[in-house]
Amino acid sequence: MSNDLHSKLKKLQQEFERTLILNPTENIPWKMNYDATFTEGLYISEDARGKSSRIVFAGRNNMHIVMTSLYHKWEKALSAKASSFKIYSGLHAHIILFMSVASIGDKVLLLPEIAGGHYASEKMLNRLGLQVKTIPINRECFCVDITKTKALIENWHPEFIFIDRSDGLYYEDFSWLKSYTGCYKIFDASQYLSHIIAGDYINPFDMGMDLILTTLHKNYPGPQKAALFTKEKDELWLLIVNGIKSYVSNIHPLEVYKAVLTLPSRKTLRAYSQMMLKNAGVLESVLSTNGVPVITRDKKQKRTQQVWIPIADQNYAYRFFKRLEKAGILTNYTILPYGLGRGLRLGTAAATRQGLTPDKSVIIGKLISDIYHSDKLTDTLLQRSAKEIHLIKNHLDSNLITAIQ
């Protein structure tokens, strides 16, 4: 049985090595240069211990001190006053956050799913007994309708504003929210974290946000973990910290070490950030030039690493998705925001880590276009795809190694 399992796992690994991850929700973590596996399974607190502590585990205080110093490195990168890496994942963070700071009946103004908000957020908030209204949008410009949103805030007076965008073609500037000081403003940076730390995108705190919530395994190449960063150590942050203590029993130190020890220099992260965005721009342009119905964007705005291909015929959309999958090009088949219907969502975060560059994006874009226009996935296309993916993943440009390894 063990030999059979080993064989199956080996086959899965070989299949993985033959693919290019071209979706925006997966990534390849930075390699950790330290062996922290001895921490796995241990109980390490985010709090300094003392005689008033409820539970203290012996022999862990020095680990807590080292962990705290590593937290400060991340806090400096995001201009935060405090942070927590104890939460497991993004939706887990959403639940714990609102269980900690909100009361039943509180009002939450939420970015809707149709504008790229997470499909589970509204359901989750309703289940917690909160009143939810969604932010008005401008479908034609793929953005928030600022005028209508201001009017809604001023008439409804929400306790919370939650910008939870999972899908987006642009990085919107919400600085106009600064004037609304009577509500707690939360920004989910999961799809933008590398760009924010690198300085390519405006920091949400500079937009007037009070809390940054993020996962570390999507736009940023980290472990499957979530983190919270606060602009101020205020009363609400204390509520959040106490909530985390109640709802999460252990910090899972090995995953936290993977997160905090692998934060690279800003120079390295910026090289990765800019390469990711350049790849997305080239891919979009090549697809458009070759007759694929990709959404083309305004180059004057802050574009994201996502590329959207709406396809009116649902059957063709799914068939196209499966053809790409068979060719080793992994995308997302989904319902696209802003009423665009079914289609494919692409992203360049993981592909950039695998070796994708702008010149190779041209080649992959042409390949995707040929697969889109072909009546069937021929052996020629399969061989061509295997060759190009191999070249991308096994012949990294020397000047990019620092950025993508």
Protein backbone atom coordinates (compact mmCIF):
# COMPACT_ATOMS: atom_id res chain seq x y z
CA MET A 1 0.00 0.00 0.00
CA SER A 2 2.80 2.42 0.90
CA ASN A 3 4.55 1.74 -2.44
CA ASP A 4 1.29 2.34 -4.29
CA LEU A 5 0.76 5.64 -2.47
CA HIS A 6 4.34 6.68 -3.17
CA SER A 7 3.79 5.95 -6.86
CA LYS A 8 0.60 8.00 -6.95
CA LEU A 9 2.23 10.96 -5.21
CA LYS A 10 5.18 10.79 -7.57
CA LYS A 11 2.81 10.88 -10.53
CA LEU A 12 1.01 13.90 -9.09
CA GLN A 13 4.32 15.67 -8.66
CA GLN A 14 5.28 14.95 -12.26
CA GLU A 15 1.94 16.29 -13.47
CA PHE A 16 2.46 19.44 -11.40
CA GLU A 17 5.93 19.98 -12.82
CA ARG A 18 4.51 19.94 -16.36
CA THR A 19 2.06 22.78 -15.71
CA LEU A 20 2.13 26.57 -15.77
CA ILE A 21 -0.01 28.11 -13.00
CA LEU A 22 -1.80 30.94 -14.76
CA ASN A 23 -4.49 31.85 -12.26
CA PRO A 24 -4.48 34.68 -9.67
CA THR A 25 -5.22 32.71 -6.51
CA GLU A 26 -2.26 30.34 -6.26
CA ASN A 27 1.42 31.07 -5.78
CA ILE A 28 4.82 29.46 -5.26
CA PRO A 29 6.16 30.33 -1.78
CA TRP A 30 9.56 31.91 -1.23
CA LYS A 31 12.11 29.37 -0.06
CA MET A 32 12.92 29.57 3.64
CA ASN A 33 16.67 29.64 4.33
CA TYR A 34 16.21 28.46 7.93
CA ASP A 35 15.08 25.13 9.33
CA ALA A 36 12.20 25.89 11.68
CA THR A 37 10.57 22.44 11.53
CA PHE A 38 11.38 21.88 15.22
CA THR A 39 8.59 24.38 16.04
CA GLU A 40 5.83 22.35 14.39
CA GLY A 41 3.13 21.41 16.88
CA LEU A 42 4.42 23.65 19.65
CA TYR A 43 2.25 26.19 21.46
CA ILE A 44 3.75 29.66 21.09
CA SER A 45 1.78 32.70 22.21
CA GLU A 46 1.55 36.06 20.46
CA ASP A 47 1.46 37.64 23.94
CA ALA A 48 4.22 38.22 26.45
CA ARG A 49 3.77 35.83 29.37
CA GLY A 50 3.27 36.83 32.99
CA LYS A 51 1.62 35.74 36.22
CA SER A 52 -1.72 37.12 35.02
CA SER A 53 -1.64 35.04 31.81
CA ARG A 54 -4.44 32.50 31.58
CA ILE A 55 -2.27 29.69 30.18
CA VAL A 56 1.53 29.64 29.89
CA PHE A 57 3.60 26.92 28.22
CA ALA A 58 7.10 26.54 29.63
CA GLY A 59 10.14 26.82 27.40
CA ARG A 60 8.44 28.97 24.78
CA ASN A 61 9.18 32.51 25.95
CA ASN A 62 12.31 32.95 23.83
CA MET A 63 10.40 31.69 20.81
CA HIS A 64 7.77 34.33 21.50
CA ILE A 65 10.46 37.05 21.69
CA VAL A 66 11.97 36.00 18.33
CA MET A 67 8.51 35.81 16.77
CA THR A 68 7.69 39.33 17.99
CA SER A 69 10.85 40.74 16.42
CA LEU A 70 9.91 39.15 13.11
CA TYR A 71 6.41 40.63 13.33
CA HIS A 72 8.01 44.08 13.59
CA LYS A 73 9.72 43.50 10.23
CA TRP A 74 6.34 43.02 8.56
CA GLU A 75 4.77 45.91 10.47
CA LYS A 76 7.51 48.20 9.18
CA ALA A 77 6.93 46.97 5.61
CA LEU A 78 3.24 47.90 5.79
CA SER A 79 3.54 50.96 8.08
CA ALA A 80 1.42 49.18 10.70
CA LYS A 81 1.44 49.69 14.47
CA ALA A 82 0.70 46.03 15.28
CA SER A 83 -0.09 42.73 13.60
CA SER A 84 -1.23 39.15 14.08
CA PHE A 85 -0.32 36.08 12.04
CA LYS A 86 -2.29 33.64 14.16
CA ILE A 87 -5.27 33.23 11.82
CA TYR A 88 -5.29 30.33 9.36
CA SER A 89 -6.85 31.70 6.15
CA GLY A 90 -8.66 34.64 4.58
CA LEU A 91 -12.26 33.65 5.26
CA HIS A 92 -11.26 32.47 8.72
CA ALA A 93 -9.88 35.99 9.28
CA HIS A 94 -13.13 37.56 8.09
CA ILE A 95 -15.18 35.49 10.51
CA ILE A 96 -12.94 36.09 13.52
CA LEU A 97 -12.60 39.80 12.77
CA PHE A 98 -16.33 40.48 12.77
CA MET A 99 -17.04 38.10 15.64
CA SER A 100 -14.50 40.13 17.64
CA VAL A 101 -15.51 43.73 16.86
CA ALA A 102 -19.12 43.72 15.64
CA SER A 103 -22.40 43.45 17.51
CA ILE A 104 -25.54 41.80 16.15
CA GLY A 105 -27.40 44.38 14.07
CA ASP A 106 -24.34 46.48 13.18
CA LYS A 107 -24.27 47.85 9.63
CA VAL A 108 -21.62 46.76 7.14
CA LEU A 109 -21.14 48.41 3.76
CA LEU A 110 -19.61 45.69 1.59
CA LEU A 111 -18.05 45.49 -1.85
CA PRO A 112 -20.47 43.18 -3.72
CA GLU A 113 -19.59 39.96 -5.50
CA ILE A 114 -20.55 41.54 -8.83
CA ALA A 115 -17.73 44.07 -8.31
CA GLY A 116 -15.19 41.36 -7.54
CA GLY A 117 -15.97 40.96 -3.84
CA HIS A 118 -15.63 37.49 -2.35
CA TYR A 119 -18.69 35.37 -3.05
CA ALA A 120 -18.91 34.17 0.59
CA SER A 121 -18.55 37.51 2.41
CA GLU A 122 -22.17 38.68 2.39
CA LYS A 123 -23.49 35.26 3.40
CA MET A 124 -20.99 35.12 6.26
CA LEU A 125 -21.86 38.60 7.55
CA ASN A 126 -25.59 37.89 7.39
CA ARG A 127 -25.05 34.67 9.34
CA LEU A 128 -23.32 36.69 12.08
CA GLY A 129 -26.46 38.83 12.40
CA LEU A 130 -25.10 41.96 10.70
CA GLN A 131 -27.02 44.27 8.40
CA VAL A 132 -25.36 44.36 4.98
CA LYS A 133 -25.68 46.76 2.08
CA THR A 134 -23.46 46.63 -0.96
CA ILE A 135 -21.42 49.41 -2.53
CA PRO A 136 -22.88 50.82 -5.79
CA ILE A 137 -20.72 50.14 -8.82
CA ASN A 138 -19.99 51.46 -12.30
CA ARG A 139 -20.18 48.42 -14.57
CA GLU A 140 -18.84 50.19 -17.64
CA CYS A 141 -15.65 51.36 -15.89
CA PHE A 142 -15.21 48.22 -13.72
CA CYS A 143 -15.04 50.26 -10.54
CA VAL A 144 -16.98 51.66 -7.58
CA ASP A 145 -19.50 54.47 -8.16
CA ILE A 146 -18.00 57.02 -5.76
CA THR A 147 -20.87 59.53 -5.85
CA LYS A 148 -23.55 56.94 -5.07
CA THR A 149 -21.38 55.28 -2.43
CA LYS A 150 -20.84 58.60 -0.62
CA ALA A 151 -24.57 59.23 -0.60
CA LEU A 152 -25.21 55.76 0.82
CA ILE A 153 -22.64 56.23 3.59
CA GLU A 154 -24.06 59.62 4.55
CA ASN A 155 -27.65 58.35 4.64
CA TRP A 156 -27.15 54.90 6.16
CA HIS A 157 -24.22 55.53 8.57
CA PRO A 158 -22.57 52.08 8.59
CA GLU A 159 -20.37 51.00 11.49
CA PHE A 160 -18.04 49.15 9.07
CA ILE A 161 -16.88 49.51 5.47
CA PHE A 162 -15.33 46.32 4.08
CA ILE A 163 -13.41 46.40 0.78
CA ASP A 164 -12.96 42.69 0.12
CA ARG A 165 -11.96 42.37 -3.53
CA SER A 166 -11.04 38.92 -4.82
CA ASP A 167 -11.28 39.89 -8.51
CA GLY A 168 -10.35 43.19 -10.09
CA LEU A 169 -8.88 44.65 -13.26
CA TYR A 170 -7.77 47.87 -11.52
CA TYR A 171 -6.35 48.79 -8.13
CA GLU A 172 -8.78 51.49 -7.05
CA ASP A 173 -7.78 54.41 -4.85
CA PHE A 174 -10.25 54.69 -1.96
CA SER A 175 -8.65 57.80 -0.46
CA TRP A 176 -12.01 59.55 -0.69
CA LEU A 177 -13.07 57.41 2.29
CA LYS A 178 -10.70 59.36 4.57
CA SER A 179 -13.37 61.90 5.45
CA TYR A 180 -15.63 59.21 6.92
CA THR A 181 -14.22 58.87 10.42
CA GLY A 182 -17.30 57.47 12.16
CA CYS A 183 -16.88 53.96 10.77
CA TYR A 184 -14.19 51.27 10.85
CA LYS A 185 -12.67 50.73 7.39
CA ILE A 186 -11.22 47.34 6.46
CA PHE A 187 -9.24 46.48 3.33
CA ASP A 188 -8.48 42.94 2.15
CA ALA A 189 -5.07 43.12 0.43
CA SER A 190 -4.82 39.43 -0.52
CA GLN A 191 -4.77 40.17 -4.26
CA TYR A 192 -2.39 43.13 -3.96
CA LEU A 193 0.03 42.47 -1.10
CA SER A 194 3.30 42.24 -3.06
CA HIS A 195 2.54 45.43 -4.98
CA ILE A 196 1.64 47.33 -1.79
CA ILE A 197 4.83 46.35 0.07
CA ALA A 198 6.90 47.05 -3.06
CA GLY A 199 5.43 50.55 -3.31
CA ASP A 200 3.81 49.99 -6.71
CA TYR A 201 0.34 50.46 -5.18
CA ILE A 202 -0.77 53.00 -2.59
CA ASN A 203 -0.84 51.61 0.94
CA PRO A 204 -4.44 51.10 2.17
CA PHE A 205 -3.53 52.96 5.37
CA ASP A 206 -2.74 56.00 3.21
CA MET A 207 -6.26 55.67 1.78
CA GLY A 208 -7.70 56.03 5.27
CA MET A 209 -8.19 52.34 6.04
CA ASP A 210 -8.00 51.27 9.68
CA LEU A 211 -7.17 47.59 9.20
CA ILE A 212 -5.45 45.56 6.49
CA LEU A 213 -6.50 41.94 6.29
CA THR A 214 -4.61 39.63 3.93
CA THR A 215 -3.71 36.11 3.00
CA LEU A 216 -0.07 35.33 2.28
CA HIS A 217 -0.38 32.79 -0.53
CA LYS A 218 -2.05 34.59 -3.44
CA ASN A 219 -0.43 37.78 -4.69
CA TYR A 220 2.40 37.35 -2.19
CA PRO A 221 4.47 34.12 -2.47
CA GLY A 222 4.04 32.91 1.10
CA PRO A 223 2.49 29.99 3.03
CA GLN A 224 -1.24 29.38 3.29
CA LYS A 225 -1.78 31.77 6.16
CA ALA A 226 -3.62 35.01 6.95
CA ALA A 227 -2.46 38.16 8.74
CA LEU A 228 -4.00 41.32 10.20
CA PHE A 229 -2.30 44.73 10.37
CA THR A 230 -3.66 47.74 12.24
CA LYS A 231 -3.04 51.41 11.64
CA GLU A 232 -3.41 52.18 15.35
CA LYS A 233 -3.30 50.19 18.58
CA ASP A 234 -6.77 51.35 19.51
CA GLU A 235 -9.76 49.92 21.35
CA LEU A 236 -10.97 47.97 18.32
CA TRP A 237 -7.55 46.39 17.83
CA LEU A 238 -7.67 45.23 21.46
CA LEU A 239 -11.06 43.64 20.76
CA ILE A 240 -9.60 41.88 17.72
CA VAL A 241 -6.59 40.59 19.67
CA ASN A 242 -8.83 39.29 22.46
CA GLY A 243 -11.12 37.68 19.88
CA ILE A 244 -8.19 35.91 18.25
CA LYS A 245 -7.16 34.56 21.65
CA SER A 246 -10.64 33.13 22.13
CA TYR A 247 -11.23 31.72 18.65
CA VAL A 248 -7.77 30.40 17.67
CA SER A 249 -6.05 28.00 20.05
CA ASN A 250 -2.56 27.89 18.56
CA ILE A 251 -0.38 30.09 16.41
CA HIS A 252 0.85 27.18 14.22
CA PRO A 253 4.42 28.45 14.56
CA LEU A 254 6.02 26.65 11.61
CA GLU A 255 3.66 28.33 9.12
CA VAL A 256 4.15 31.68 10.86
CA TYR A 257 7.92 31.30 10.63
CA LYS A 258 7.54 30.53 6.93
CA ALA A 259 5.55 33.75 6.58
CA VAL A 260 7.71 36.10 8.61
CA LEU A 261 11.16 34.71 7.77
CA THR A 262 10.71 34.86 4.00
CA LEU A 263 9.88 38.55 3.62
CA PRO A 264 12.49 39.62 1.03
CA SER A 265 14.07 43.03 0.53
CA ARG A 266 11.85 45.70 -0.97
CA LYS A 267 14.10 45.73 -4.05
CA THR A 268 13.57 42.01 -4.64
CA LEU A 269 9.84 42.24 -4.01
CA ARG A 270 9.52 45.20 -6.36
CA ALA A 271 11.28 43.27 -9.14
CA TYR A 272 8.75 40.48 -8.67
CA SER A 273 5.83 42.91 -8.42
CA GLN A 274 6.69 44.75 -11.61
CA MET A 275 7.44 41.58 -13.55
CA MET A 276 4.05 40.18 -12.54
CA LEU A 277 2.27 43.31 -13.82
CA LYS A 278 4.31 43.48 -17.05
CA ASN A 279 3.51 39.85 -17.80
CA ALA A 280 -0.21 40.51 -17.35
CA GLY A 281 -0.08 43.54 -19.66
CA VAL A 282 1.78 41.66 -22.39
CA LEU A 283 -0.50 38.63 -22.11
CA GLU A 284 -3.60 40.81 -22.39
CA SER A 285 -2.20 42.63 -25.43
CA VAL A 286 -1.19 39.45 -27.26
CA LEU A 287 -4.55 37.79 -26.62
CA SER A 288 -6.40 40.85 -27.89
CA THR A 289 -4.23 41.14 -31.01
CA ASN A 290 -4.88 37.49 -31.80
CA GLY A 291 -8.66 37.69 -31.59
CA VAL A 292 -9.33 36.32 -28.11
CA PRO A 293 -12.21 38.24 -26.42
CA VAL A 294 -10.06 39.52 -23.55
CA ILE A 295 -11.01 42.67 -21.62
CA THR A 296 -8.51 45.40 -22.55
CA ARG A 297 -7.83 48.03 -19.91
CA ASP A 298 -7.08 51.72 -19.62
CA LYS A 299 -3.29 51.93 -19.41
CA LYS A 300 -3.52 55.15 -17.38
CA GLN A 301 -5.03 53.31 -14.42
CA LYS A 302 -3.33 51.00 -11.92
CA ARG A 303 -3.82 47.60 -13.50
CA THR A 304 -3.73 44.31 -11.62
CA GLN A 305 -2.14 40.98 -12.48
CA GLN A 306 -5.54 39.57 -13.49
CA VAL A 307 -6.61 39.01 -17.11
CA TRP A 308 -10.26 38.29 -17.95
CA ILE A 309 -11.63 36.44 -20.97
CA PRO A 310 -15.46 36.58 -21.06
CA ILE A 311 -17.00 34.01 -23.43
CA ALA A 312 -20.70 34.24 -24.27
CA ASP A 313 -21.07 30.54 -25.09
CA GLN A 314 -20.82 28.71 -21.75
CA ASN A 315 -20.13 25.37 -23.42
CA TYR A 316 -17.27 26.85 -25.44
CA ALA A 317 -15.90 28.63 -22.38
CA TYR A 318 -15.70 25.39 -20.40
CA ARG A 319 -14.29 23.49 -23.37
CA PHE A 320 -11.59 26.16 -23.80
CA PHE A 321 -10.75 25.92 -20.09
CA LYS A 322 -10.39 22.12 -20.29
CA ARG A 323 -8.25 22.33 -23.42
CA LEU A 324 -5.86 24.71 -21.70
CA GLU A 325 -5.78 22.40 -18.68
CA LYS A 326 -4.92 19.41 -20.86
CA ALA A 327 -2.16 21.50 -22.43
CA GLY A 328 -0.74 22.22 -18.97
CA ILE A 329 -1.93 25.84 -18.78
CA LEU A 330 -3.94 26.20 -15.56
CA THR A 331 -6.58 28.95 -15.41
CA ASN A 332 -9.87 29.58 -13.58
CA TYR A 333 -13.27 28.91 -15.14
CA THR A 334 -15.67 31.24 -13.34
CA ILE A 335 -18.47 33.79 -13.43
CA LEU A 336 -16.68 37.08 -14.08
CA PRO A 337 -17.65 40.29 -12.22
CA TYR A 338 -19.62 43.28 -13.55
CA GLY A 339 -22.14 41.10 -15.38
CA LEU A 340 -19.59 39.79 -17.88
CA GLY A 341 -20.90 36.24 -17.57
CA ARG A 342 -18.93 33.04 -17.83
CA GLY A 343 -15.31 33.07 -18.80
CA LEU A 344 -11.73 32.49 -17.78
CA ARG A 345 -9.77 34.37 -15.13
CA LEU A 346 -6.01 34.43 -15.54
CA GLY A 347 -3.29 35.76 -13.26
CA THR A 348 0.49 35.96 -13.44
CA ALA A 349 1.61 35.73 -9.79
CA ALA A 350 2.61 32.04 -9.72
CA ALA A 351 3.62 31.93 -13.39
CA THR A 352 6.11 34.73 -12.73
CA ARG A 353 7.57 32.71 -9.87
CA GLN A 354 7.82 29.77 -12.28
CA GLY A 355 9.85 31.83 -14.77
CA LEU A 356 7.36 33.75 -16.92
CA THR A 357 8.82 36.92 -18.44
CA PRO A 358 7.36 39.44 -20.93
CA ASP A 359 9.03 37.80 -23.94
CA LYS A 360 7.73 34.40 -22.83
CA SER A 361 4.30 35.94 -22.19
CA VAL A 362 4.18 36.73 -25.90
CA ILE A 363 4.77 33.05 -26.72
CA ILE A 364 2.24 31.79 -24.17
CA GLY A 365 -0.30 34.38 -25.32
CA LYS A 366 -0.01 33.18 -28.92
CA LEU A 367 -0.31 29.57 -27.79
CA ILE A 368 -3.47 30.32 -25.77
CA SER A 369 -4.89 32.17 -28.78
CA ASP A 370 -4.22 29.23 -31.10
CA ILE A 371 -5.89 26.85 -28.65
CA TYR A 372 -8.88 29.19 -28.45
CA HIS A 373 -9.33 29.27 -32.22
CA SER A 374 -8.64 25.57 -32.87
CA ASP A 375 -11.43 23.10 -33.50
CA LYS A 376 -9.61 20.53 -31.37
CA LEU A 377 -6.50 20.21 -29.25
CA THR A 378 -4.04 18.64 -31.67
CA ASP A 379 -0.88 16.71 -30.86
CA THR A 380 1.05 19.61 -32.39
CA LEU A 381 -0.47 22.07 -29.93
CA LEU A 382 0.16 19.71 -27.00
CA GLN A 383 3.79 19.24 -27.96
CA ARG A 384 4.24 22.97 -28.47
CA SER A 385 2.72 23.71 -25.08
CA ALA A 386 4.89 21.14 -23.29
CA LYS A 387 8.00 22.59 -24.93
CA GLU A 388 7.17 26.21 -24.03
CA ILE A 389 6.26 25.39 -20.43
CA HIS A 390 9.51 23.46 -20.07
CA LEU A 391 11.48 26.42 -21.41
CA ILE A 392 9.74 28.82 -19.03
CA LYS A 393 10.28 26.67 -15.95
CA ASN A 394 13.79 25.40 -16.65
CA HIS A 395 15.60 28.29 -18.30
CA LEU A 396 15.26 31.23 -15.93
CA ASP A 397 16.93 34.44 -17.09
CA SER A 398 19.93 35.09 -14.85
CA ASN A 399 18.94 38.70 -14.17
CA LEU A 400 15.54 37.56 -12.88
CA ILE A 401 16.64 34.77 -10.56
CA THR A 402 16.66 37.05 -7.52
CA ALA A 403 13.13 38.20 -8.21
CA ILE A 404 11.44 34.90 -8.96
CA GLN A 405 13.32 32.25 -6.98
